[in-house]
Amino acid sequence: MLKINANYNKFKVGDTFKYGRTIYTVLSIFEDEGNTFYACKYTKKDGLVSYSNIFTYRIDDEGFSELYQRV
């Protein structure tokens, strides 16, 4: 997975991004215990929309972060 500088890519509601082969749309942003989480949706192959996708960033010891799918 591509590592990105922690300050480089902060999403806003309505932004889209590709994770793996799937394109997600950010629906909501919330914080819990000091971490920012992004609730996202994507359209499945059968046309149904999945809303159960939560992403956040993991920051390593060198200050780099990677997007991480929680659910």
PDB file of N, CA and C in Angstrom:
ATOM      1  N   MET A   1       0.832  -1.166   0.000  1.00  0.00           N
ATOM      2  CA  MET A   1       0.000   0.000   0.000  1.00  0.00           C
ATOM      3  C   MET A   1       0.884   1.238   0.000  1.00  0.00           C
ATOM      4  N   LEU A   2       0.501   2.247  -0.739  1.00  0.00           N
ATOM      5  CA  LEU A   2       1.250   3.490  -0.822  1.00  0.00           C
ATOM      6  C   LEU A   2       1.198   4.228   0.500  1.00  0.00           C
ATOM      7  N   LYS A   3       2.353   4.606   1.017  1.00  0.00           N
ATOM      8  CA  LYS A   3       2.391   5.394   2.245  1.00  0.00           C
ATOM      9  C   LYS A   3       2.383   6.868   1.877  1.00  0.00           C
ATOM     10  N   ILE A   4       1.598   7.634   2.608  1.00  0.00           N
ATOM     11  CA  ILE A   4       1.430   9.052   2.316  1.00  0.00           C
ATOM     12  C   ILE A   4       1.809   9.842   3.566  1.00  0.00           C
ATOM     13  N   ASN A   5       2.395  11.005   3.404  1.00  0.00           N
ATOM     14  CA  ASN A   5       2.697  11.870   4.530  1.00  0.00           C
ATOM     15  C   ASN A   5       1.406  12.173   5.277  1.00  0.00           C
ATOM     16  N   ALA A   6       1.448  12.138   6.607  1.00  0.00           N
ATOM     17  CA  ALA A   6       0.252  12.270   7.440  1.00  0.00           C
ATOM     18  C   ALA A   6      -0.504  13.563   7.182  1.00  0.00           C
ATOM     19  N   ASN A   7       0.174  14.635   6.799  1.00  0.00           N
ATOM     20  CA  ASN A   7      -0.494  15.918   6.575  1.00  0.00           C
ATOM     21  C   ASN A   7      -0.901  16.109   5.117  1.00  0.00           C
ATOM     22  N   TYR A   8      -0.618  15.152   4.293  1.00  0.00           N
ATOM     23  CA  TYR A   8      -0.829  15.315   2.848  1.00  0.00           C
ATOM     24  C   TYR A   8      -2.273  15.121   2.436  1.00  0.00           C
ATOM     25  N   ASN A   9      -2.930  14.085   2.932  1.00  0.00           N
ATOM     26  CA  ASN A   9      -4.241  13.733   2.395  1.00  0.00           C
ATOM     27  C   ASN A   9      -5.276  13.649   3.505  1.00  0.00           C
ATOM     28  N   LYS A  10      -6.012  14.734   3.716  1.00  0.00           N
ATOM     29  CA  LYS A  10      -7.130  14.747   4.649  1.00  0.00           C
ATOM     30  C   LYS A  10      -8.397  14.882   3.812  1.00  0.00           C
ATOM     31  N   PHE A  11      -9.330  13.981   3.998  1.00  0.00           N
ATOM     32  CA  PHE A  11     -10.539  13.964   3.190  1.00  0.00           C
ATOM     33  C   PHE A  11     -11.587  14.933   3.721  1.00  0.00           C
ATOM     34  N   LYS A  12     -12.491  15.349   2.832  1.00  0.00           N
ATOM     35  CA  LYS A  12     -13.661  16.143   3.165  1.00  0.00           C
ATOM     36  C   LYS A  12     -14.885  15.336   2.747  1.00  0.00           C
ATOM     37  N   VAL A  13     -16.036  15.675   3.321  1.00  0.00           N
ATOM     38  CA  VAL A  13     -17.286  15.015   2.931  1.00  0.00           C
ATOM     39  C   VAL A  13     -17.506  15.230   1.440  1.00  0.00           C
ATOM     40  N   GLY A  14     -17.825  14.167   0.726  1.00  0.00           N
ATOM     41  CA  GLY A  14     -18.040  14.221  -0.717  1.00  0.00           C
ATOM     42  C   GLY A  14     -16.837  13.823  -1.542  1.00  0.00           C
ATOM     43  N   ASP A  15     -15.646  13.792  -0.933  1.00  0.00           N
ATOM     44  CA  ASP A  15     -14.444  13.355  -1.652  1.00  0.00           C
ATOM     45  C   ASP A  15     -14.548  11.877  -2.009  1.00  0.00           C
ATOM     46  N   THR A  16     -13.926  11.510  -3.114  1.00  0.00           N
ATOM     47  CA  THR A  16     -13.842  10.101  -3.492  1.00  0.00           C
ATOM     48  C   THR A  16     -12.380   9.693  -3.511  1.00  0.00           C
ATOM     49  N   PHE A  17     -12.135   8.417  -3.210  1.00  0.00           N
ATOM     50  CA  PHE A  17     -10.780   7.894  -3.249  1.00  0.00           C
ATOM     51  C   PHE A  17     -10.848   6.414  -3.595  1.00  0.00           C
ATOM     52  N   LYS A  18      -9.747   5.911  -4.119  1.00  0.00           N
ATOM     53  CA  LYS A  18      -9.667   4.504  -4.486  1.00  0.00           C
ATOM     54  C   LYS A  18      -8.850   3.772  -3.442  1.00  0.00           C
ATOM     55  N   TYR A  19      -9.393   2.675  -2.928  1.00  0.00           N
ATOM     56  CA  TYR A  19      -8.714   1.818  -1.965  1.00  0.00           C
ATOM     57  C   TYR A  19      -8.806   0.407  -2.522  1.00  0.00           C
ATOM     58  N   GLY A  20      -7.675  -0.167  -2.874  1.00  0.00           N
ATOM     59  CA  GLY A  20      -7.694  -1.443  -3.589  1.00  0.00           C
ATOM     60  C   GLY A  20      -8.256  -1.190  -4.986  1.00  0.00           C
ATOM     61  N   ARG A  21      -9.293  -1.931  -5.347  1.00  0.00           N
ATOM     62  CA  ARG A  21      -9.930  -1.723  -6.650  1.00  0.00           C
ATOM     63  C   ARG A  21     -11.276  -1.024  -6.535  1.00  0.00           C
ATOM     64  N   THR A  22     -11.628  -0.573  -5.327  1.00  0.00           N
ATOM     65  CA  THR A  22     -12.943   0.005  -5.076  1.00  0.00           C
ATOM     66  C   THR A  22     -12.840   1.514  -4.890  1.00  0.00           C
ATOM     67  N   ILE A  23     -13.812   2.245  -5.433  1.00  0.00           N
ATOM     68  CA  ILE A  23     -13.886   3.691  -5.266  1.00  0.00           C
ATOM     69  C   ILE A  23     -14.915   3.996  -4.193  1.00  0.00           C
ATOM     70  N   TYR A  24     -14.483   4.722  -3.151  1.00  0.00           N
ATOM     71  CA  TYR A  24     -15.322   5.075  -2.015  1.00  0.00           C
ATOM     72  C   TYR A  24     -15.642   6.558  -2.034  1.00  0.00           C
ATOM     73  N   THR A  25     -16.791   6.923  -1.457  1.00  0.00           N
ATOM     74  CA  THR A  25     -17.193   8.312  -1.279  1.00  0.00           C
ATOM     75  C   THR A  25     -17.327   8.579   0.212  1.00  0.00           C
ATOM     76  N   VAL A  26     -16.720   9.665   0.684  1.00  0.00           N
ATOM     77  CA  VAL A  26     -16.774  10.021   2.102  1.00  0.00           C
ATOM     78  C   VAL A  26     -18.142  10.626   2.413  1.00  0.00           C
ATOM     79  N   LEU A  27     -18.842  10.032   3.385  1.00  0.00           N
ATOM     80  CA  LEU A  27     -20.172  10.503   3.788  1.00  0.00           C
ATOM     81  C   LEU A  27     -20.140  11.300   5.080  1.00  0.00           C
ATOM     82  N   SER A  28     -19.237  10.942   5.976  1.00  0.00           N
ATOM     83  CA  SER A  28     -19.201  11.564   7.287  1.00  0.00           C
ATOM     84  C   SER A  28     -17.795  11.461   7.847  1.00  0.00           C
ATOM     85  N   ILE A  29     -17.439  12.434   8.672  1.00  0.00           N
ATOM     86  CA  ILE A  29     -16.141  12.440   9.333  1.00  0.00           C
ATOM     87  C   ILE A  29     -16.396  12.614  10.824  1.00  0.00           C
ATOM     88  N   PHE A  30     -15.757  11.771  11.634  1.00  0.00           N
ATOM     89  CA  PHE A  30     -15.917  11.908  13.083  1.00  0.00           C
ATOM     90  C   PHE A  30     -14.614  11.570  13.781  1.00  0.00           C
ATOM     91  N   GLU A  31     -14.492  11.992  15.029  1.00  0.00           N
ATOM     92  CA  GLU A  31     -13.297  11.715  15.819  1.00  0.00           C
ATOM     93  C   GLU A  31     -13.664  10.885  17.032  1.00  0.00           C
ATOM     94  N   ASP A  32     -12.758   9.986  17.408  1.00  0.00           N
ATOM     95  CA  ASP A  32     -12.913   9.163  18.590  1.00  0.00           C
ATOM     96  C   ASP A  32     -11.538   8.922  19.181  1.00  0.00           C
ATOM     97  N   GLU A  33     -11.364   9.240  20.427  1.00  0.00           N
ATOM     98  CA  GLU A  33     -10.097   9.077  21.133  1.00  0.00           C
ATOM     99  C   GLU A  33      -8.924   9.703  20.376  1.00  0.00           C
ATOM    100  N   GLY A  34      -9.149  10.863  19.795  1.00  0.00           N
ATOM    101  CA  GLY A  34      -8.098  11.605  19.111  1.00  0.00           C
ATOM    102  C   GLY A  34      -7.801  11.168  17.688  1.00  0.00           C
ATOM    103  N   ASN A  35      -8.499  10.172  17.173  1.00  0.00           N
ATOM    104  CA  ASN A  35      -8.305   9.702  15.799  1.00  0.00           C
ATOM    105  C   ASN A  35      -9.465  10.147  14.925  1.00  0.00           C
ATOM    106  N   THR A  36      -9.169  10.499  13.690  1.00  0.00           N
ATOM    107  CA  THR A  36     -10.201  10.886  12.730  1.00  0.00           C
ATOM    108  C   THR A  36     -10.622   9.671  11.924  1.00  0.00           C
ATOM    109  N   PHE A  37     -11.930   9.467  11.792  1.00  0.00           N
ATOM    110  CA  PHE A  37     -12.484   8.348  11.044  1.00  0.00           C
ATOM    111  C   PHE A  37     -13.360   8.872   9.922  1.00  0.00           C
ATOM    112  N   TYR A  38     -13.384   8.143   8.810  1.00  0.00           N
ATOM    113  CA  TYR A  38     -14.169   8.506   7.636  1.00  0.00           C
ATOM    114  C   TYR A  38     -15.175   7.398   7.351  1.00  0.00           C
ATOM    115  N   ALA A  39     -16.472   7.727   7.432  1.00  0.00           N
ATOM    116  CA  ALA A  39     -17.524   6.777   7.068  1.00  0.00           C
ATOM    117  C   ALA A  39     -17.771   6.926   5.575  1.00  0.00           C
ATOM    118  N   CYS A  40     -17.717   5.819   4.846  1.00  0.00           N
ATOM    119  CA  CYS A  40     -17.762   5.866   3.387  1.00  0.00           C
ATOM    120  C   CYS A  40     -18.778   4.880   2.815  1.00  0.00           C
ATOM    121  N   LYS A  41     -19.111   5.113   1.557  1.00  0.00           N
ATOM    122  CA  LYS A  41     -19.974   4.188   0.830  1.00  0.00           C
ATOM    123  C   LYS A  41     -19.311   3.823  -0.492  1.00  0.00           C
ATOM    124  N   TYR A  42     -19.779   2.710  -1.075  1.00  0.00           N
ATOM    125  CA  TYR A  42     -19.374   2.351  -2.427  1.00  0.00           C
ATOM    126  C   TYR A  42     -20.502   1.558  -3.060  1.00  0.00           C
ATOM    127  N   THR A  43     -20.503   1.509  -4.374  1.00  0.00           N
ATOM    128  CA  THR A  43     -21.526   0.765  -5.108  1.00  0.00           C
ATOM    129  C   THR A  43     -20.965  -0.599  -5.494  1.00  0.00           C
ATOM    130  N   LYS A  44     -21.691  -1.641  -5.106  1.00  0.00           N
ATOM    131  CA  LYS A  44     -21.276  -3.009  -5.415  1.00  0.00           C
ATOM    132  C   LYS A  44     -21.550  -3.322  -6.889  1.00  0.00           C
ATOM    133  N   LYS A  45     -21.036  -4.448  -7.351  1.00  0.00           N
ATOM    134  CA  LYS A  45     -21.223  -4.853  -8.745  1.00  0.00           C
ATOM    135  C   LYS A  45     -22.680  -5.030  -9.117  1.00  0.00           C
ATOM    136  N   ASP A  46     -23.506  -5.440  -8.123  1.00  0.00           N
ATOM    137  CA  ASP A  46     -24.931  -5.657  -8.400  1.00  0.00           C
ATOM    138  C   ASP A  46     -25.755  -4.374  -8.306  1.00  0.00           C
ATOM    139  N   GLY A  47     -25.097  -3.230  -8.078  1.00  0.00           N
ATOM    140  CA  GLY A  47     -25.769  -1.951  -8.037  1.00  0.00           C
ATOM    141  C   GLY A  47     -26.218  -1.504  -6.654  1.00  0.00           C
ATOM    142  N   LEU A  48     -26.121  -2.385  -5.661  1.00  0.00           N
ATOM    143  CA  LEU A  48     -26.482  -2.010  -4.296  1.00  0.00           C
ATOM    144  C   LEU A  48     -25.365  -1.186  -3.675  1.00  0.00           C
ATOM    145  N   VAL A  49     -25.738  -0.290  -2.766  1.00  0.00           N
ATOM    146  CA  VAL A  49     -24.763   0.572  -2.114  1.00  0.00           C
ATOM    147  C   VAL A  49     -24.451   0.026  -0.727  1.00  0.00           C
ATOM    148  N   SER A  50     -23.166  -0.055  -0.401  1.00  0.00           N
ATOM    149  CA  SER A  50     -22.719  -0.492   0.916  1.00  0.00           C
ATOM    150  C   SER A  50     -22.274   0.727   1.709  1.00  0.00           C
ATOM    151  N   TYR A  51     -22.831   0.878   2.927  1.00  0.00           N
ATOM    152  CA  TYR A  51     -22.514   2.018   3.788  1.00  0.00           C
ATOM    153  C   TYR A  51     -21.644   1.633   4.980  1.00  0.00           C
ATOM    154  N   SER A  52     -21.200   0.412   5.074  1.00  0.00           N
ATOM    155  CA  SER A  52     -20.513  -0.068   6.276  1.00  0.00           C
ATOM    156  C   SER A  52     -18.994  -0.064   6.120  1.00  0.00           C
ATOM    157  N   ASN A  53     -18.443   1.061   5.755  1.00  0.00           N
ATOM    158  CA  ASN A  53     -17.006   1.158   5.537  1.00  0.00           C
ATOM    159  C   ASN A  53     -16.447   2.337   6.322  1.00  0.00           C
ATOM    160  N   ILE A  54     -15.544   2.047   7.260  1.00  0.00           N
ATOM    161  CA  ILE A  54     -14.918   3.074   8.080  1.00  0.00           C
ATOM    162  C   ILE A  54     -13.414   3.020   7.834  1.00  0.00           C
ATOM    163  N   PHE A  55     -12.829   4.182   7.550  1.00  0.00           N
ATOM    164  CA  PHE A  55     -11.394   4.279   7.295  1.00  0.00           C
ATOM    165  C   PHE A  55     -10.757   5.240   8.284  1.00  0.00           C
ATOM    166  N   THR A  56      -9.481   5.064   8.526  1.00  0.00           N
ATOM    167  CA  THR A  56      -8.684   5.992   9.313  1.00  0.00           C
ATOM    168  C   THR A  56      -7.245   5.906   8.813  1.00  0.00           C
ATOM    169  N   TYR A  57      -6.360   6.715   9.384  1.00  0.00           N
ATOM    170  CA  TYR A  57      -4.941   6.658   9.048  1.00  0.00           C
ATOM    171  C   TYR A  57      -4.166   6.059  10.205  1.00  0.00           C
ATOM    172  N   ARG A  58      -3.228   5.179   9.902  1.00  0.00           N
ATOM    173  CA  ARG A  58      -2.271   4.670  10.883  1.00  0.00           C
ATOM    174  C   ARG A  58      -0.972   5.416  10.655  1.00  0.00           C
ATOM    175  N   ILE A  59      -0.408   5.981  11.707  1.00  0.00           N
ATOM    176  CA  ILE A  59       0.856   6.713  11.596  1.00  0.00           C
ATOM    177  C   ILE A  59       1.961   5.850  12.190  1.00  0.00           C
ATOM    178  N   ASP A  60       3.018   5.625  11.404  1.00  0.00           N
ATOM    179  CA  ASP A  60       4.117   4.791  11.894  1.00  0.00           C
ATOM    180  C   ASP A  60       5.152   5.638  12.639  1.00  0.00           C
ATOM    181  N   ASP A  61       6.210   5.014  13.095  1.00  0.00           N
ATOM    182  CA  ASP A  61       7.237   5.682  13.901  1.00  0.00           C
ATOM    183  C   ASP A  61       7.987   6.769  13.137  1.00  0.00           C
ATOM    184  N   GLU A  62       7.983   6.706  11.818  1.00  0.00           N
ATOM    185  CA  GLU A  62       8.721   7.678  11.002  1.00  0.00           C
ATOM    186  C   GLU A  62       7.853   8.871  10.604  1.00  0.00           C
ATOM    187  N   GLY A  63       6.597   8.924  11.054  1.00  0.00           N
ATOM    188  CA  GLY A  63       5.721  10.037  10.739  1.00  0.00           C
ATOM    189  C   GLY A  63       4.927   9.863   9.460  1.00  0.00           C
ATOM    190  N   PHE A  64       5.063   8.710   8.818  1.00  0.00           N
ATOM    191  CA  PHE A  64       4.273   8.442   7.623  1.00  0.00           C
ATOM    192  C   PHE A  64       2.974   7.770   8.016  1.00  0.00           C
ATOM    193  N   SER A  65       1.971   7.918   7.178  1.00  0.00           N
ATOM    194  CA  SER A  65       0.686   7.290   7.480  1.00  0.00           C
ATOM    195  C   SER A  65       0.217   6.490   6.284  1.00  0.00           C
ATOM    196  N   GLU A  66      -0.656   5.554   6.560  1.00  0.00           N
ATOM    197  CA  GLU A  66      -1.281   4.794   5.493  1.00  0.00           C
ATOM    198  C   GLU A  66      -2.762   4.685   5.793  1.00  0.00           C
ATOM    199  N   LEU A  67      -3.557   4.731   4.760  1.00  0.00           N
ATOM    200  CA  LEU A  67      -4.988   4.588   4.909  1.00  0.00           C
ATOM    201  C   LEU A  67      -5.287   3.162   5.335  1.00  0.00           C
ATOM    202  N   TYR A  68      -6.183   3.010   6.288  1.00  0.00           N
ATOM    203  CA  TYR A  68      -6.457   1.721   6.896  1.00  0.00           C
ATOM    204  C   TYR A  68      -7.962   1.527   6.976  1.00  0.00           C
ATOM    205  N   GLN A  69      -8.462   0.424   6.451  1.00  0.00           N
ATOM    206  CA  GLN A  69      -9.888   0.146   6.485  1.00  0.00           C
ATOM    207  C   GLN A  69     -10.226  -0.559   7.787  1.00  0.00           C
ATOM    208  N   ARG A  70     -11.078   0.036   8.602  1.00  0.00           N
ATOM    209  CA  ARG A  70     -11.423  -0.516   9.906  1.00  0.00           C
ATOM    210  C   ARG A  70     -12.559  -1.525   9.802  1.00  0.00           C
ATOM    211  N   VAL A  71     -13.519  -1.265   8.951  1.00  0.00           N
ATOM    212  CA  VAL A  71     -14.698  -2.160   8.826  1.00  0.00           C
ATOM    213  C   VAL A  71     -14.905  -2.457   7.372  1.00  0.00           C
TER     214      VAL A  71
END
